[in-house]
Amino acid sequence: MSTFLKQYVQYQKPQVNMLIALCLPLLGAVYNFGWRAAMFVFFSMFCCWLAEYLFTRREGKPASAAALVTGALLGLICPPNVPFWQIAVGDFFCIIFAKMAFGGFGKNIFNPAMVARCFLYISFPAALAATWYVPFQGGAAGFAAYTATTKAAAVDASMFNVDSVTSATTLTAVKKLNSYRREAIAAQRNDEAEKALKAFEGISLSRLIVGNINGSMGETSSILILISMAWLLYQKILFVPLLIGPFIGILFAKLMLHFAGLETLPLVQGYLVNVFAGGTLFAAVFMVTEPISAPMNNKARWIYAMLIGFLAAVIRSLSAFNAGFMFAILLGNTFGPLIEIGCVEFEKMQKEKAA
């Protein structure tokens, strides 16, 4: 059986460990949104494998296990109930244009899963950014159902009840509350400003950590992602600068926005909500740490990761988009080589001066 599989999938231990780590977010996705989530992720993995194998078979080689990881990542960062044909389009797009066009495994500049997510986000905004579903609650929850069917409330109708299961996604509501409070303060409408503040303070961090909330399927449960992170650290797959850097970058951005008066909600809670909501942990653990599209130099890794976190927080706060990490990672991929060149040249200069 293993010989048969080797004809079609190249064994890569780091990628296998990544797939093992992704099992926990997948279980969380099934619990929250039903067994369709598992079918969706497996289908995405198959499509990515097939797209790559159609190229590698001409050379008599199997597809890389990394293609399966890309498919799993893309499936888990999608909202529930995205049509299967749309994820297939995204899978083939990212493998062809973000991976094989650059020469295949190990040669891609951009994170393939992020490229696919961005392509789908722009091409199918209703499914990828505007439609969210209420997760199952209690008991066997999604383990006893195929898929969630109740749509979450619109942000305007639920921003003062952010902690409700049926409310809009947390970051969407927080952005609306911040804008509402900033305008109320500017117009000296103190009652409205206080109302927004109380709604924000009512957000339960424990619910965000457990993750039984609406959102992208694999990104909601912080505790499952943290356990996966511990496994990857034990396997020595993650580089610490790439893992920690985004959280430092988010902190810098939050401080800047707060002191500039662009964010009026409490700083500490605002930072924690950003960390435990909106896929931040998932992005930091599984996306920013992707070694192929990240720099090799250690100093460059710190700058690269912090830049991604900084940009993600700014995009979330000031732009019309909530997918801050998606755009931030692609921007980081774009400037990563320049950051690395700059750091390498700086280190050479330092050595020459010391000599």
Protein backbone atom coordinates (compact mmCIF):
# COMPACT_ATOMS: atom_id res chain seq x y z
CA MET A 1 0.00 0.00 0.00
CA SER A 2 2.80 2.42 0.90
CA THR A 3 4.58 1.62 -2.39
CA PHE A 4 1.37 2.36 -4.24
CA LEU A 5 0.96 5.70 -2.47
CA LYS A 6 4.57 6.70 -3.18
CA GLN A 7 3.74 6.63 -6.88
CA TYR A 8 1.26 9.44 -6.34
CA VAL A 9 2.34 11.35 -3.19
CA GLN A 10 5.89 12.25 -2.24
CA TYR A 11 6.48 11.60 1.45
CA GLN A 12 7.64 14.75 3.25
CA LYS A 13 7.82 14.44 7.04
CA PRO A 14 7.28 18.17 7.83
CA GLN A 15 4.20 18.19 5.62
CA VAL A 16 2.84 15.03 7.23
CA ASN A 17 3.32 16.59 10.66
CA MET A 18 1.50 19.68 9.43
CA LEU A 19 -1.41 17.52 8.30
CA ILE A 20 -1.48 15.86 11.72
CA ALA A 21 -1.57 19.30 13.37
CA LEU A 22 -4.43 20.40 11.12
CA CYS A 23 -6.58 17.49 12.33
CA LEU A 24 -7.53 19.40 15.49
CA PRO A 25 -8.85 22.52 13.71
CA LEU A 26 -10.67 20.14 11.38
CA LEU A 27 -12.37 18.43 14.33
CA GLY A 28 -13.36 21.87 15.61
CA ALA A 29 -14.81 22.68 12.20
CA VAL A 30 -16.91 19.50 12.23
CA TYR A 31 -18.12 20.17 15.77
CA ASN A 32 -19.16 23.71 14.88
CA PHE A 33 -20.51 23.27 11.36
CA GLY A 34 -21.18 19.59 10.65
CA TRP A 35 -19.62 16.80 8.60
CA ARG A 36 -19.79 18.83 5.42
CA ALA A 37 -16.72 20.67 6.74
CA ALA A 38 -14.66 17.45 6.66
CA MET A 39 -15.92 16.55 3.19
CA PHE A 40 -15.10 20.07 2.02
CA VAL A 41 -11.52 19.95 3.35
CA PHE A 42 -10.85 16.46 1.94
CA PHE A 43 -12.25 17.52 -1.42
CA SER A 44 -9.98 20.56 -1.39
CA MET A 45 -6.97 18.34 -0.61
CA PHE A 46 -7.86 16.01 -3.48
CA CYS A 47 -8.21 18.91 -5.94
CA CYS A 48 -4.83 20.36 -4.98
CA TRP A 49 -3.18 16.96 -5.26
CA LEU A 50 -4.79 16.34 -8.66
CA ALA A 51 -3.81 19.77 -10.00
CA GLU A 52 -0.16 19.18 -9.05
CA TYR A 53 -0.10 15.55 -10.17
CA LEU A 54 -1.24 16.55 -13.65
CA PHE A 55 2.09 18.41 -13.90
CA THR A 56 4.44 16.07 -12.05
CA ARG A 57 3.27 12.83 -13.71
CA ARG A 58 4.77 14.02 -17.01
CA GLU A 59 8.15 13.85 -15.28
CA GLY A 60 7.34 10.50 -13.72
CA LYS A 61 7.18 12.05 -10.25
CA PRO A 62 4.46 12.02 -7.58
CA ALA A 63 2.78 15.17 -6.33
CA SER A 64 4.24 16.62 -3.15
CA ALA A 65 2.58 16.12 0.22
CA ALA A 66 2.67 19.93 0.40
CA ALA A 67 -0.19 19.97 -2.11
CA LEU A 68 -2.35 18.14 0.45
CA VAL A 69 -1.38 20.70 3.09
CA THR A 70 -2.31 23.55 0.75
CA GLY A 71 -5.71 21.97 0.13
CA ALA A 72 -6.33 21.44 3.85
CA LEU A 73 -5.32 25.01 4.69
CA LEU A 74 -7.49 26.50 1.98
CA GLY A 75 -10.49 24.44 3.05
CA LEU A 76 -10.11 25.42 6.70
CA ILE A 77 -9.81 29.17 6.02
CA CYS A 78 -13.08 29.23 4.07
CA PRO A 79 -16.47 29.99 5.62
CA PRO A 80 -19.01 27.16 5.96
CA ASN A 81 -21.21 26.36 2.97
CA VAL A 82 -18.88 27.67 0.27
CA PRO A 83 -19.89 25.66 -2.86
CA PHE A 84 -17.63 22.74 -3.70
CA TRP A 85 -17.08 23.97 -7.23
CA GLN A 86 -15.73 27.28 -5.94
CA ILE A 87 -13.11 25.62 -3.74
CA ALA A 88 -12.12 23.45 -6.73
CA VAL A 89 -11.56 26.59 -8.80
CA GLY A 90 -9.43 28.04 -6.01
CA ASP A 91 -7.42 24.83 -5.64
CA PHE A 92 -6.53 24.59 -9.32
CA PHE A 93 -5.82 28.33 -9.51
CA CYS A 94 -3.32 28.31 -6.65
CA ILE A 95 -1.47 25.15 -7.71
CA ILE A 96 -1.17 26.26 -11.32
CA PHE A 97 -0.48 29.98 -10.92
CA ALA A 98 1.04 30.24 -7.43
CA LYS A 99 3.13 27.07 -7.43
CA MET A 100 3.75 25.24 -10.69
CA ALA A 101 4.17 28.47 -12.66
CA PHE A 102 7.19 29.20 -10.44
CA GLY A 103 8.68 25.75 -10.95
CA GLY A 104 6.86 23.59 -8.42
CA PHE A 105 7.52 22.67 -4.81
CA GLY A 106 10.05 24.87 -3.02
CA LYS A 107 10.13 27.56 -5.69
CA ASN A 108 6.92 29.50 -5.09
CA ILE A 109 7.20 33.11 -3.94
CA PHE A 110 3.68 33.42 -2.54
CA ASN A 111 1.84 31.20 -0.09
CA PRO A 112 -0.41 29.14 -2.43
CA ALA A 113 -3.31 28.84 0.01
CA MET A 114 -3.33 32.62 0.53
CA VAL A 115 -3.27 33.22 -3.22
CA ALA A 116 -6.30 30.96 -3.62
CA ARG A 117 -8.13 32.58 -0.71
CA CYS A 118 -7.52 36.04 -2.18
CA PHE A 119 -8.67 34.90 -5.62
CA LEU A 120 -11.86 33.41 -4.19
CA TYR A 121 -12.42 36.41 -1.90
CA ILE A 122 -12.36 38.79 -4.86
CA SER A 123 -14.19 36.52 -7.31
CA PHE A 124 -16.95 35.26 -5.00
CA PRO A 125 -17.40 37.88 -2.24
CA ALA A 126 -20.91 36.76 -1.28
CA ALA A 127 -19.73 33.27 -0.33
CA LEU A 128 -16.31 34.21 1.04
CA ALA A 129 -17.00 37.45 2.91
CA ALA A 130 -20.69 38.17 3.31
CA THR A 131 -22.38 34.93 4.36
CA TRP A 132 -21.75 33.36 7.77
CA TYR A 133 -23.53 30.55 9.56
CA VAL A 134 -24.43 29.97 13.20
CA PRO A 135 -22.43 27.05 14.68
CA PHE A 136 -24.13 24.12 16.37
CA GLN A 137 -24.42 24.33 20.16
CA GLY A 138 -24.20 21.71 22.90
CA GLY A 139 -24.24 17.94 22.95
CA ALA A 140 -22.85 16.24 19.87
CA ALA A 141 -23.31 19.54 17.99
CA GLY A 142 -22.03 19.23 14.41
CA PHE A 143 -20.98 15.60 14.91
CA ALA A 144 -24.67 14.73 14.61
CA ALA A 145 -25.42 16.93 11.58
CA TYR A 146 -24.34 17.43 7.99
CA THR A 147 -24.12 21.22 7.83
CA ALA A 148 -25.16 24.45 9.54
CA THR A 149 -28.15 26.12 7.92
CA THR A 150 -28.94 29.18 10.07
CA LYS A 151 -27.36 32.37 8.80
CA ALA A 152 -25.75 34.76 11.27
CA ALA A 153 -27.28 38.20 11.77
CA ALA A 154 -26.03 41.20 9.78
CA VAL A 155 -23.51 43.43 11.55
CA ASP A 156 -25.84 46.43 11.83
CA ALA A 157 -28.42 44.27 13.59
CA SER A 158 -26.03 42.61 16.01
CA MET A 159 -23.10 44.90 16.74
CA PHE A 160 -24.42 45.73 20.22
CA ASN A 161 -24.75 42.03 20.99
CA VAL A 162 -21.39 40.83 19.74
CA ASP A 163 -21.15 37.91 22.14
CA SER A 164 -24.34 36.29 20.86
CA VAL A 165 -23.88 33.06 18.93
CA THR A 166 -26.09 34.39 16.15
CA SER A 167 -24.30 37.73 15.82
CA ALA A 168 -21.98 38.86 13.06
CA THR A 169 -18.32 37.79 13.18
CA THR A 170 -16.46 39.32 16.10
CA LEU A 171 -13.97 41.45 14.16
CA THR A 172 -16.67 42.79 11.85
CA ALA A 173 -18.74 43.89 14.83
CA VAL A 174 -15.72 45.34 16.65
CA LYS A 175 -14.77 47.42 13.61
CA LYS A 176 -18.32 48.75 13.43
CA LEU A 177 -18.38 49.50 17.16
CA ASN A 178 -15.08 51.37 16.96
CA SER A 179 -16.31 53.48 14.06
CA TYR A 180 -19.61 54.13 15.83
CA ARG A 181 -17.87 55.15 19.06
CA ARG A 182 -15.30 57.35 17.31
CA GLU A 183 -18.06 59.28 15.55
CA ALA A 184 -20.07 59.55 18.79
CA ILE A 185 -17.08 60.95 20.67
CA ALA A 186 -16.39 63.47 17.90
CA ALA A 187 -20.03 64.62 18.02
CA GLN A 188 -20.04 64.55 21.86
CA ARG A 189 -22.84 61.99 21.95
CA ASN A 190 -21.70 60.46 25.22
CA ASP A 191 -24.61 58.04 25.62
CA GLU A 192 -23.93 56.45 22.24
CA ALA A 193 -20.20 56.26 22.95
CA GLU A 194 -20.88 54.52 26.26
CA LYS A 195 -23.29 52.10 24.61
CA ALA A 196 -20.62 51.04 22.12
CA LEU A 197 -18.05 50.66 24.90
CA LYS A 198 -20.35 48.42 26.97
CA ALA A 199 -21.08 46.24 23.95
CA PHE A 200 -17.35 45.82 23.34
CA GLU A 201 -16.61 45.05 26.99
CA GLY A 202 -19.29 42.36 26.85
CA ILE A 203 -17.23 40.26 24.44
CA SER A 204 -16.19 37.05 26.18
CA LEU A 205 -12.57 36.12 25.58
CA SER A 206 -13.31 32.62 26.86
CA ARG A 207 -15.80 32.09 24.03
CA LEU A 208 -13.22 33.27 21.52
CA ILE A 209 -10.67 30.86 22.96
CA VAL A 210 -13.08 27.90 22.87
CA GLY A 211 -14.26 29.03 19.46
CA ASN A 212 -17.88 27.93 19.27
CA ILE A 213 -18.62 31.01 17.14
CA ASN A 214 -19.24 31.75 13.50
CA GLY A 215 -16.31 32.37 11.19
CA SER A 216 -14.06 30.45 8.82
CA MET A 217 -14.26 26.77 9.59
CA GLY A 218 -10.83 26.00 11.01
CA GLU A 219 -10.00 29.40 12.47
CA THR A 220 -12.54 29.72 15.28
CA SER A 221 -11.13 27.53 18.07
CA SER A 222 -8.03 29.16 19.56
CA ILE A 223 -7.45 26.36 22.03
CA LEU A 224 -7.30 23.69 19.31
CA ILE A 225 -4.90 25.82 17.27
CA LEU A 226 -2.67 26.33 20.33
CA ILE A 227 -2.53 22.56 20.90
CA SER A 228 -1.60 22.12 17.23
CA MET A 229 1.08 24.78 17.67
CA ALA A 230 2.53 22.87 20.63
CA TRP A 231 2.73 19.73 18.46
CA LEU A 232 4.52 21.58 15.65
CA LEU A 233 6.97 23.17 18.11
CA TYR A 234 7.67 19.71 19.56
CA GLN A 235 8.38 18.46 16.03
CA LYS A 236 10.68 21.50 15.49
CA ILE A 237 8.80 22.56 12.38
CA LEU A 238 8.04 26.16 13.36
CA PHE A 239 10.58 28.97 13.41
CA VAL A 240 10.05 31.07 16.54
CA PRO A 241 10.57 34.51 14.88
CA LEU A 242 7.89 33.71 12.29
CA LEU A 243 5.54 32.51 15.02
CA ILE A 244 5.98 35.35 17.52
CA GLY A 245 6.60 38.22 15.11
CA PRO A 246 2.97 38.72 14.02
CA PHE A 247 1.80 39.27 17.59
CA ILE A 248 4.49 41.92 18.13
CA GLY A 249 3.47 43.59 14.88
CA ILE A 250 -0.18 43.65 15.92
CA LEU A 251 0.79 45.25 19.24
CA PHE A 252 2.76 48.01 17.48
CA ALA A 253 -0.16 48.69 15.15
CA LYS A 254 -2.68 48.78 17.99
CA LEU A 255 -0.52 51.24 19.94
CA MET A 256 -0.16 53.47 16.89
CA LEU A 257 -3.88 53.43 16.08
CA HIS A 258 -4.81 54.01 19.71
CA PHE A 259 -2.54 57.01 20.22
CA ALA A 260 -3.57 58.45 16.84
CA GLY A 261 -7.20 58.39 18.00
CA LEU A 262 -8.26 56.03 15.23
CA GLU A 263 -9.19 53.32 17.72
CA THR A 264 -11.23 54.37 20.73
CA LEU A 265 -11.95 51.01 22.34
CA PRO A 266 -9.82 49.77 25.28
CA LEU A 267 -6.32 48.93 24.11
CA VAL A 268 -5.59 45.74 26.05
CA GLN A 269 -8.91 44.07 25.33
CA GLY A 270 -8.73 45.26 21.73
CA TYR A 271 -5.37 43.56 21.34
CA LEU A 272 -6.60 40.31 22.92
CA VAL A 273 -9.72 40.27 20.76
CA ASN A 274 -7.52 40.70 17.68
CA VAL A 275 -5.30 37.82 18.76
CA PHE A 276 -8.09 35.35 19.57
CA ALA A 277 -10.54 36.32 16.82
CA GLY A 278 -10.53 36.54 13.06
CA GLY A 279 -8.08 33.75 12.34
CA THR A 280 -5.01 35.48 13.82
CA LEU A 281 -3.72 32.38 15.59
CA PHE A 282 -4.39 30.17 12.58
CA ALA A 283 -2.54 32.58 10.30
CA ALA A 284 0.41 32.92 12.69
CA VAL A 285 0.78 29.18 13.28
CA PHE A 286 0.06 27.76 9.82
CA MET A 287 0.54 30.58 7.30
CA VAL A 288 3.21 33.07 8.35
CA THR A 289 5.47 30.19 9.42
CA GLU A 290 5.36 28.61 5.96
CA PRO A 291 9.14 28.33 5.29
CA ILE A 292 9.22 28.45 1.50
CA SER A 293 7.71 31.91 1.07
CA ALA A 294 9.39 33.30 4.22
CA PRO A 295 12.99 34.58 4.49
CA MET A 296 15.82 32.27 5.54
CA ASN A 297 17.81 34.89 7.46
CA ASN A 298 16.78 35.02 11.12
CA LYS A 299 16.74 38.83 11.41
CA ALA A 300 14.77 39.02 8.18
CA ARG A 301 12.26 36.56 9.65
CA TRP A 302 11.61 38.86 12.61
CA ILE A 303 11.07 41.89 10.39
CA TYR A 304 8.97 39.92 7.90
CA ALA A 305 6.69 38.45 10.57
CA MET A 306 6.28 41.72 12.47
CA LEU A 307 5.48 43.52 9.23
CA ILE A 308 2.73 40.99 8.48
CA GLY A 309 1.18 41.43 11.94
CA PHE A 310 1.40 45.22 11.69
CA LEU A 311 -0.19 45.33 8.24
CA ALA A 312 -2.91 42.86 9.23
CA ALA A 313 -4.00 45.01 12.18
CA VAL A 314 -3.96 48.22 10.12
CA ILE A 315 -5.92 46.65 7.26
CA ARG A 316 -8.48 45.24 9.68
CA SER A 317 -8.94 48.57 11.41
CA LEU A 318 -8.85 51.10 8.57
CA SER A 319 -9.85 49.34 5.36
CA ALA A 320 -13.19 48.01 4.16
CA PHE A 321 -11.84 44.45 4.43
CA ASN A 322 -11.72 42.18 7.47
CA ALA A 323 -9.32 39.72 5.84
CA GLY A 324 -6.29 41.58 7.14
CA PHE A 325 -3.96 38.61 7.41
CA MET A 326 -4.72 37.42 3.90
CA PHE A 327 -3.57 40.67 2.32
CA ALA A 328 -0.78 41.15 4.88
CA ILE A 329 0.76 37.73 4.18
CA LEU A 330 0.71 38.32 0.43
CA LEU A 331 2.34 41.72 0.95
CA GLY A 332 4.88 40.09 3.25
CA ASN A 333 5.62 37.47 0.58
CA THR A 334 6.12 40.28 -1.94
CA PHE A 335 8.66 42.20 0.15
CA GLY A 336 10.21 39.21 1.95
CA PRO A 337 13.08 38.78 -0.56
CA LEU A 338 13.95 42.49 -0.32
CA ILE A 339 13.90 42.32 3.49
CA GLU A 340 16.22 39.32 3.38
CA ILE A 341 18.63 40.98 0.94
CA GLY A 342 18.73 44.09 3.14
CA CYS A 343 19.44 42.06 6.30
CA VAL A 344 22.15 39.96 4.63
CA GLU A 345 23.87 43.05 3.25
CA PHE A 346 23.65 44.78 6.63
CA GLU A 347 25.23 41.77 8.34
CA LYS A 348 28.05 41.77 5.76
CA MET A 349 28.70 45.45 6.43
CA GLN A 350 28.78 44.80 10.18
CA LYS A 351 31.31 41.98 9.72
CA GLU A 352 33.48 44.12 7.45
CA LYS A 353 33.52 46.92 10.02
CA ALA A 354 34.38 44.50 12.79
CA ALA A 355 37.24 43.11 10.70
